[in-house]
C-alpha atoms as a PDB file:
ATOM      1  CA  MET A   1     -12.752  22.108 -12.992  1.00  0.00           C
ATOM      2  CA  ALA A   2      -9.829  23.831 -14.710  1.00  0.00           C
ATOM      3  CA  MET A   3      -9.119  23.547 -18.426  1.00  0.00           C
ATOM      4  CA  SER A   4      -6.005  21.740 -19.628  1.00  0.00           C
ATOM      5  CA  ALA A   5      -3.602  23.165 -22.197  1.00  0.00           C
ATOM      6  CA  GLU A   6      -5.003  20.657 -24.697  1.00  0.00           C
ATOM      7  CA  GLU A   7      -8.577  21.822 -24.075  1.00  0.00           C
ATOM      8  CA  ILE A   8      -7.489  25.434 -24.523  1.00  0.00           C
ATOM      9  CA  GLU A   9      -5.821  24.604 -27.830  1.00  0.00           C
ATOM     10  CA  GLN A  10      -8.873  22.628 -29.031  1.00  0.00           C
ATOM     11  CA  THR A  11     -11.188  25.513 -28.141  1.00  0.00           C
ATOM     12  CA  ILE A  12      -9.058  28.011 -30.039  1.00  0.00           C
ATOM     13  CA  ARG A  13      -8.665  25.627 -33.003  1.00  0.00           C
ATOM     14  CA  ALA A  14     -12.448  25.242 -33.251  1.00  0.00           C
ATOM     15  CA  ALA A  15     -12.739  29.024 -33.705  1.00  0.00           C
ATOM     16  CA  PHE A  16      -9.603  29.451 -35.846  1.00  0.00           C
ATOM     17  CA  PRO A  17      -9.057  26.230 -37.847  1.00  0.00           C
ATOM     18  CA  ASP A  18      -6.140  27.704 -39.828  1.00  0.00           C
ATOM     19  CA  ALA A  19      -4.272  28.941 -36.743  1.00  0.00           C
ATOM     20  CA  GLN A  20      -0.868  28.068 -35.422  1.00  0.00           C
ATOM     21  CA  ILE A  21      -1.399  27.827 -31.667  1.00  0.00           C
ATOM     22  CA  GLN A  22       1.003  27.592 -28.753  1.00  0.00           C
ATOM     23  CA  VAL A  23      -0.265  27.237 -25.192  1.00  0.00           C
ATOM     24  CA  GLU A  24       1.994  27.543 -22.147  1.00  0.00           C
ATOM     25  CA  ASP A  25       1.169  26.805 -18.506  1.00  0.00           C
ATOM     26  CA  LEU A  26       2.842  29.840 -16.931  1.00  0.00           C
ATOM     27  CA  ALA A  27       2.888  28.752 -13.291  1.00  0.00           C
ATOM     28  CA  GLY A  28       2.712  24.979 -13.655  1.00  0.00           C
ATOM     29  CA  ASP A  29      -0.553  25.024 -11.729  1.00  0.00           C
ATOM     30  CA  GLY A  30      -3.048  24.438 -14.544  1.00  0.00           C
ATOM     31  CA  ASP A  31      -4.686  27.796 -13.832  1.00  0.00           C
ATOM     32  CA  HIS A  32      -2.478  30.433 -15.479  1.00  0.00           C
ATOM     33  CA  TYR A  33      -1.875  30.102 -19.192  1.00  0.00           C
ATOM     34  CA  ALA A  34      -0.468  32.124 -22.056  1.00  0.00           C
ATOM     35  CA  CYS A  35      -1.199  31.471 -25.696  1.00  0.00           C
ATOM     36  CA  GLU A  36      -0.021  32.724 -29.031  1.00  0.00           C
ATOM     37  CA  VAL A  37      -2.463  32.475 -31.920  1.00  0.00           C
ATOM     38  CA  VAL A  38      -1.227  33.107 -35.455  1.00  0.00           C
ATOM     39  CA  SER A  39      -4.024  33.371 -38.002  1.00  0.00           C
ATOM     40  CA  GLU A  40      -4.808  35.067 -41.278  1.00  0.00           C
ATOM     41  CA  VAL A  41      -8.201  35.935 -39.730  1.00  0.00           C
ATOM     42  CA  PHE A  42      -6.478  38.713 -37.763  1.00  0.00           C
ATOM     43  CA  ARG A  43      -5.185  40.586 -40.813  1.00  0.00           C
ATOM     44  CA  GLY A  44      -6.468  44.165 -40.792  1.00  0.00           C
ATOM     45  CA  ILE A  45      -8.150  43.808 -37.390  1.00  0.00           C
ATOM     46  CA  PRO A  46      -6.949  45.931 -34.446  1.00  0.00           C
ATOM     47  CA  ARG A  47      -5.048  43.981 -31.776  1.00  0.00           C
ATOM     48  CA  VAL A  48      -7.683  44.566 -29.069  1.00  0.00           C
ATOM     49  CA  LYS A  49     -10.370  43.093 -31.320  1.00  0.00           C
ATOM     50  CA  GLN A  50      -8.076  40.154 -32.187  1.00  0.00           C
ATOM     51  CA  HIS A  51      -7.759  39.347 -28.485  1.00  0.00           C
ATOM     52  CA  LYS A  52     -11.511  39.692 -28.006  1.00  0.00           C
ATOM     53  CA  LEU A  53     -12.093  37.164 -30.796  1.00  0.00           C
ATOM     54  CA  VAL A  54      -9.874  34.659 -28.970  1.00  0.00           C
ATOM     55  CA  TYR A  55     -11.595  35.262 -25.618  1.00  0.00           C
ATOM     56  CA  ASP A  56     -14.998  34.997 -27.314  1.00  0.00           C
ATOM     57  CA  ALA A  57     -14.094  31.461 -28.416  1.00  0.00           C
ATOM     58  CA  PHE A  58     -14.293  30.420 -24.749  1.00  0.00           C
ATOM     59  CA  GLY A  59     -17.785  31.787 -24.166  1.00  0.00           C
ATOM     60  CA  GLY A  60     -18.420  32.138 -20.432  1.00  0.00           C
ATOM     61  CA  ARG A  61     -15.561  29.850 -19.406  1.00  0.00           C
ATOM     62  CA  VAL A  62     -12.947  32.598 -18.931  1.00  0.00           C
ATOM     63  CA  GLY A  63     -12.836  33.378 -15.231  1.00  0.00           C
ATOM     64  CA  THR A  64     -14.508  30.090 -14.323  1.00  0.00           C
ATOM     65  CA  GLU A  65     -13.085  26.929 -15.977  1.00  0.00           C
ATOM     66  CA  LEU A  66     -10.241  29.025 -17.392  1.00  0.00           C
ATOM     67  CA  HIS A  67      -8.853  31.159 -14.576  1.00  0.00           C
ATOM     68  CA  ALA A  68      -6.294  33.285 -16.455  1.00  0.00           C
ATOM     69  CA  LEU A  69      -5.220  33.451 -20.091  1.00  0.00           C
ATOM     70  CA  ALA A  70      -2.681  35.911 -21.501  1.00  0.00           C
ATOM     71  CA  VAL A  71      -3.234  36.231 -25.252  1.00  0.00           C
ATOM     72  CA  LYS A  72      -0.783  37.183 -27.978  1.00  0.00           C
ATOM     73  CA  THR A  73      -2.072  37.333 -31.561  1.00  0.00           C
ATOM     74  CA  ARG A  74      -0.486  38.013 -34.920  1.00  0.00           C
ATOM     75  CA  THR A  75      -0.848  37.292 -38.614  1.00  0.00           C
ATOM     76  CA  PRO A  76       1.450  34.854 -40.440  1.00  0.00           C
ATOM     77  CA  ASP A  77       4.729  36.290 -41.715  1.00  0.00           C
END
């Protein structure tokens, strides 16, 4: 069963409670999503590691329940 945009946001929020999160269904099919996560947690951390932290929040669900997720991360302005 695929994850909804709301489930994706809840999963990210559990890992990054302070984050501003936007989730977009890219194809309208419930399988291909993009998200932007803005969090102070990312300050001083290389972008690749920031993305890994987001993917890690999903455990083994990426590629199964969550088919595709494009991640954009940044720190607050």
